[in-house]
Amino acid sequence: MVWSLLRRRAASALPTPGKCGPGRHVLATERLLLFTPRTRLDVVAVLAASADAEAQRWLGTQADELLPDPAVRRALLAWRPAGHDRRRIPPVLAEPYAPGPDGPLLLVCLHRSDLGYAGGLELHPRTGEMGGWLAPGCRGRGLGAELFRAGVELAHTHLGLATVRAGAERGNTASRGALLRAGLVPDGGPARHTLPDGRVVDAVWHRHDSPAATRCR
């Protein structure tokens, strides 16, 4: 394995939990590191983590935001972030990513053991609604609860949101269990939800409240 040497050589390149910047956030769980994408590679790897048929059964992403070629998705997920891969990242993927001022916040998720891309997290700062997903190789390992706990922390201690909510399709027992293990509790909400691709599904909702929400500096 080369990752121990690689981390020592370029560890300073990754964002450090507790050191957020304007429009950028970073936080960590026991096994995951989450931060605002820095390059186009970070963004497309997040998309690759959610574009397979199993994920899309629940997410329903719009077709123009999907990466349909499985080989391309596997190749993207095999990369490590800029500065942490022995291969030279193509220039177009190494270009800096600047988050927009509107819409949900997107965080890329890495597995801390090998710096592999593990998934993504979205949180809308106005509504407090959260969503997340894991890459195929990271599912079924209890990481969903860590991902959603990170979302709760982002909402309550970075964005100053007193309440964070998340919806899941009724039949998505994996996501519903992960939300409960992350400390969210069942909540009322619309019984039907329209996914971005137009499908209408049965929905259940969860929430987490904090009486002392704060913002990061």
Protein backbone atom coordinates (compact mmCIF):
# COMPACT_ATOMS: atom_id res chain seq x y z
CA MET A 1 0.00 0.00 0.00
CA VAL A 2 1.24 3.50 -0.82
CA TRP A 3 -1.25 5.63 1.06
CA SER A 4 0.72 6.04 4.29
CA LEU A 5 3.63 7.57 2.35
CA LEU A 6 1.27 9.61 0.22
CA ARG A 7 -0.52 11.07 3.22
CA ARG A 8 2.74 12.09 4.86
CA ARG A 9 3.92 13.79 1.70
CA ALA A 10 0.76 15.76 0.98
CA ALA A 11 -1.33 15.76 4.15
CA SER A 12 -1.43 19.55 4.28
CA ALA A 13 -3.31 19.62 0.96
CA LEU A 14 -6.55 18.36 2.49
CA PRO A 15 -8.82 20.71 4.44
CA THR A 16 -8.54 20.47 8.22
CA PRO A 17 -11.66 20.00 10.40
CA GLY A 18 -12.36 23.11 12.41
CA LYS A 19 -10.81 25.42 9.80
CA CYS A 20 -13.68 26.56 7.60
CA GLY A 21 -13.44 29.48 5.20
CA PRO A 22 -15.91 31.80 3.47
CA GLY A 23 -18.44 29.58 1.72
CA ARG A 24 -16.41 26.47 2.58
CA HIS A 25 -16.84 23.96 5.35
CA VAL A 26 -14.94 20.93 6.60
CA LEU A 27 -15.78 18.38 9.27
CA ALA A 28 -14.95 14.79 10.15
CA THR A 29 -16.45 11.70 11.73
CA GLU A 30 -14.63 8.60 12.94
CA ARG A 31 -14.20 7.25 9.40
CA LEU A 32 -15.19 10.09 7.07
CA LEU A 33 -13.82 13.47 6.06
CA LEU A 34 -16.27 15.91 4.48
CA PHE A 35 -15.48 19.25 2.88
CA THR A 36 -16.64 21.69 0.22
CA PRO A 37 -15.28 20.45 -3.13
CA ARG A 38 -12.04 22.13 -4.18
CA THR A 39 -11.70 20.82 -7.74
CA ARG A 40 -13.87 19.58 -10.57
CA LEU A 41 -12.64 16.08 -9.78
CA ASP A 42 -14.22 16.32 -6.33
CA VAL A 43 -17.55 17.28 -7.89
CA VAL A 44 -17.67 14.63 -10.60
CA ALA A 45 -16.56 11.96 -8.12
CA VAL A 46 -19.52 12.91 -5.93
CA LEU A 47 -21.78 12.51 -8.97
CA ALA A 48 -20.18 9.18 -9.84
CA ALA A 49 -20.87 7.91 -6.33
CA SER A 50 -24.62 8.35 -6.82
CA ALA A 51 -25.15 7.51 -10.51
CA ASP A 52 -25.53 3.72 -10.35
CA ALA A 53 -28.94 2.06 -10.64
CA GLU A 54 -29.16 1.12 -6.95
CA ALA A 55 -28.67 4.72 -5.83
CA GLN A 56 -30.90 6.15 -8.53
CA ARG A 57 -33.74 3.89 -7.43
CA TRP A 58 -34.01 6.22 -4.43
CA LEU A 59 -32.47 9.51 -5.59
CA GLY A 60 -34.10 10.02 -8.99
CA THR A 61 -31.48 12.48 -10.24
CA GLN A 62 -32.22 14.36 -13.45
CA ALA A 63 -30.79 12.58 -16.49
CA ASP A 64 -28.52 15.49 -17.50
CA GLU A 65 -26.72 15.27 -14.13
CA LEU A 66 -25.96 11.56 -14.36
CA LEU A 67 -22.82 9.78 -15.51
CA PRO A 68 -24.30 6.86 -17.47
CA ASP A 69 -21.11 4.95 -18.29
CA PRO A 70 -20.20 2.52 -15.46
CA ALA A 71 -16.56 2.42 -16.58
CA VAL A 72 -16.30 6.20 -16.29
CA ARG A 73 -17.85 6.10 -12.83
CA ARG A 74 -15.42 3.42 -11.66
CA ALA A 75 -12.48 5.36 -13.07
CA LEU A 76 -13.51 8.56 -11.30
CA LEU A 77 -14.02 6.80 -7.98
CA ALA A 78 -10.59 5.18 -8.32
CA TRP A 79 -8.88 8.60 -8.22
CA ARG A 80 -7.80 10.29 -5.02
CA PRO A 81 -8.18 14.05 -4.48
CA ALA A 82 -5.76 16.46 -6.11
CA GLY A 83 -2.40 16.25 -4.40
CA HIS A 84 -3.05 12.76 -3.05
CA ASP A 85 -2.84 10.61 -6.17
CA ARG A 86 0.43 9.43 -7.69
CA ARG A 87 -1.10 9.83 -11.16
CA ARG A 88 -1.35 13.22 -12.81
CA ILE A 89 -4.95 14.36 -12.68
CA PRO A 90 -6.19 15.62 -16.08
CA PRO A 91 -6.03 19.43 -16.15
CA VAL A 92 -9.76 19.82 -16.72
CA LEU A 93 -10.48 17.84 -13.53
CA ALA A 94 -7.81 19.67 -11.53
CA GLU A 95 -9.43 23.06 -12.17
CA PRO A 96 -10.62 24.82 -9.00
CA TYR A 97 -14.28 24.56 -8.02
CA ALA A 98 -16.03 27.64 -6.65
CA PRO A 99 -19.33 26.96 -4.83
CA GLY A 100 -22.24 29.13 -5.91
CA PRO A 101 -24.00 31.52 -3.52
CA ASP A 102 -27.43 29.90 -3.90
CA GLY A 103 -28.84 26.41 -3.71
CA PRO A 104 -27.86 23.55 -1.41
CA LEU A 105 -24.38 23.18 0.03
CA LEU A 106 -22.48 20.24 -1.42
CA LEU A 107 -19.81 18.41 0.56
CA VAL A 108 -17.58 15.71 -0.87
CA CYS A 109 -17.06 12.73 1.41
CA LEU A 110 -13.76 10.81 1.68
CA HIS A 111 -13.00 7.61 3.54
CA ARG A 112 -10.24 8.60 5.95
CA SER A 113 -8.46 5.23 5.82
CA ASP A 114 -7.45 5.48 2.16
CA LEU A 115 -8.67 8.93 1.04
CA GLY A 116 -11.03 7.29 -1.46
CA TYR A 117 -14.16 9.09 -2.56
CA ALA A 118 -16.98 7.72 -0.41
CA GLY A 119 -20.06 9.79 -1.29
CA GLY A 120 -21.65 13.19 -0.90
CA LEU A 121 -23.83 15.29 1.35
CA GLU A 122 -26.25 18.09 0.44
CA LEU A 123 -27.82 20.55 2.87
CA HIS A 124 -30.02 23.47 1.93
CA PRO A 125 -29.16 26.42 4.21
CA ARG A 126 -32.59 28.02 3.86
CA THR A 127 -34.85 25.01 4.41
CA GLY A 128 -32.57 22.85 6.54
CA GLU A 129 -33.31 19.84 4.33
CA MET A 130 -30.51 17.30 4.06
CA GLY A 131 -29.71 14.47 1.66
CA GLY A 132 -26.77 12.15 1.23
CA TRP A 133 -25.44 9.08 -0.54
CA LEU A 134 -22.55 6.64 -0.46
CA ALA A 135 -20.45 5.19 -3.26
CA PRO A 136 -21.20 1.54 -4.10
CA GLY A 137 -18.11 0.19 -2.33
CA CYS A 138 -18.97 2.09 0.88
CA ARG A 139 -22.52 0.86 1.39
CA GLY A 140 -23.56 -1.67 3.99
CA ARG A 141 -20.76 -0.69 6.40
CA GLY A 142 -22.61 1.64 8.76
CA LEU A 143 -21.23 4.77 7.12
CA GLY A 144 -24.67 6.19 6.38
CA ALA A 145 -25.22 7.08 10.04
CA GLU A 146 -21.85 8.86 10.14
CA LEU A 147 -22.71 10.75 6.96
CA PHE A 148 -25.99 11.99 8.40
CA ARG A 149 -24.43 12.81 11.77
CA ALA A 150 -22.02 15.01 9.86
CA GLY A 151 -25.01 16.67 8.19
CA VAL A 152 -26.56 17.35 11.59
CA GLU A 153 -23.28 18.87 12.80
CA LEU A 154 -23.02 20.99 9.67
CA ALA A 155 -26.52 22.34 10.21
CA HIS A 156 -26.28 23.04 13.94
CA THR A 157 -22.66 24.14 14.44
CA HIS A 158 -21.67 25.56 11.05
CA LEU A 159 -24.83 27.09 9.56
CA GLY A 160 -26.71 28.10 12.72
CA LEU A 161 -29.80 26.04 11.83
CA ALA A 162 -31.95 25.00 14.78
CA THR A 163 -33.65 22.23 12.79
CA VAL A 164 -32.45 19.84 10.11
CA ARG A 165 -34.83 17.52 8.23
CA ALA A 166 -34.39 14.61 5.86
CA GLY A 167 -36.86 12.63 3.81
CA ALA A 168 -36.58 9.07 2.56
CA GLU A 169 -38.73 6.80 0.47
CA ARG A 170 -40.81 4.53 2.67
CA GLY A 171 -39.20 1.41 1.21
CA ASN A 172 -35.63 2.70 1.68
CA THR A 173 -34.97 0.92 4.95
CA ALA A 174 -31.20 1.46 4.77
CA SER A 175 -31.48 5.25 4.66
CA ARG A 176 -34.26 5.33 7.24
CA GLY A 177 -32.19 3.22 9.62
CA ALA A 178 -29.14 5.41 9.06
CA LEU A 179 -31.15 8.54 9.87
CA LEU A 180 -32.39 7.02 13.11
CA ARG A 181 -28.89 5.91 14.11
CA ALA A 182 -27.68 9.44 13.39
CA GLY A 183 -30.07 10.72 16.04
CA LEU A 184 -32.89 12.05 13.87
CA VAL A 185 -36.45 11.24 14.96
CA PRO A 186 -39.60 10.61 12.89
CA ASP A 187 -41.39 13.80 11.90
CA GLY A 188 -44.50 14.81 10.05
CA GLY A 189 -44.27 15.83 6.44
CA PRO A 190 -45.80 15.31 3.00
CA ALA A 191 -46.70 11.66 2.47
CA ARG A 192 -45.78 11.92 -1.21
CA HIS A 193 -42.60 13.41 -2.64
CA THR A 194 -41.62 14.21 -6.23
CA LEU A 195 -38.05 13.25 -7.14
CA PRO A 196 -36.00 15.41 -9.54
CA ASP A 197 -36.71 12.99 -12.40
CA GLY A 198 -40.46 13.41 -11.91
CA ARG A 199 -41.24 10.17 -10.09
CA VAL A 200 -43.64 10.49 -7.16
CA VAL A 201 -42.84 8.25 -4.17
CA ASP A 202 -44.15 7.50 -0.69
CA ALA A 203 -42.07 9.51 1.79
CA VAL A 204 -41.26 9.49 5.48
CA TRP A 205 -39.51 12.39 7.23
CA HIS A 206 -37.07 12.77 10.11
CA ARG A 207 -35.74 15.76 12.01
CA HIS A 208 -33.09 16.81 14.51
CA ASP A 209 -33.32 19.94 16.69
CA SER A 210 -30.74 21.92 18.60
CA PRO A 211 -31.59 24.63 21.15
CA ALA A 212 -28.18 26.27 20.76
CA ALA A 213 -27.27 26.34 17.08
CA THR A 214 -24.10 28.25 16.19
CA ARG A 215 -22.11 29.25 13.11
CA CYS A 216 -18.52 28.39 12.32
CA ARG A 217 -15.97 31.17 11.96
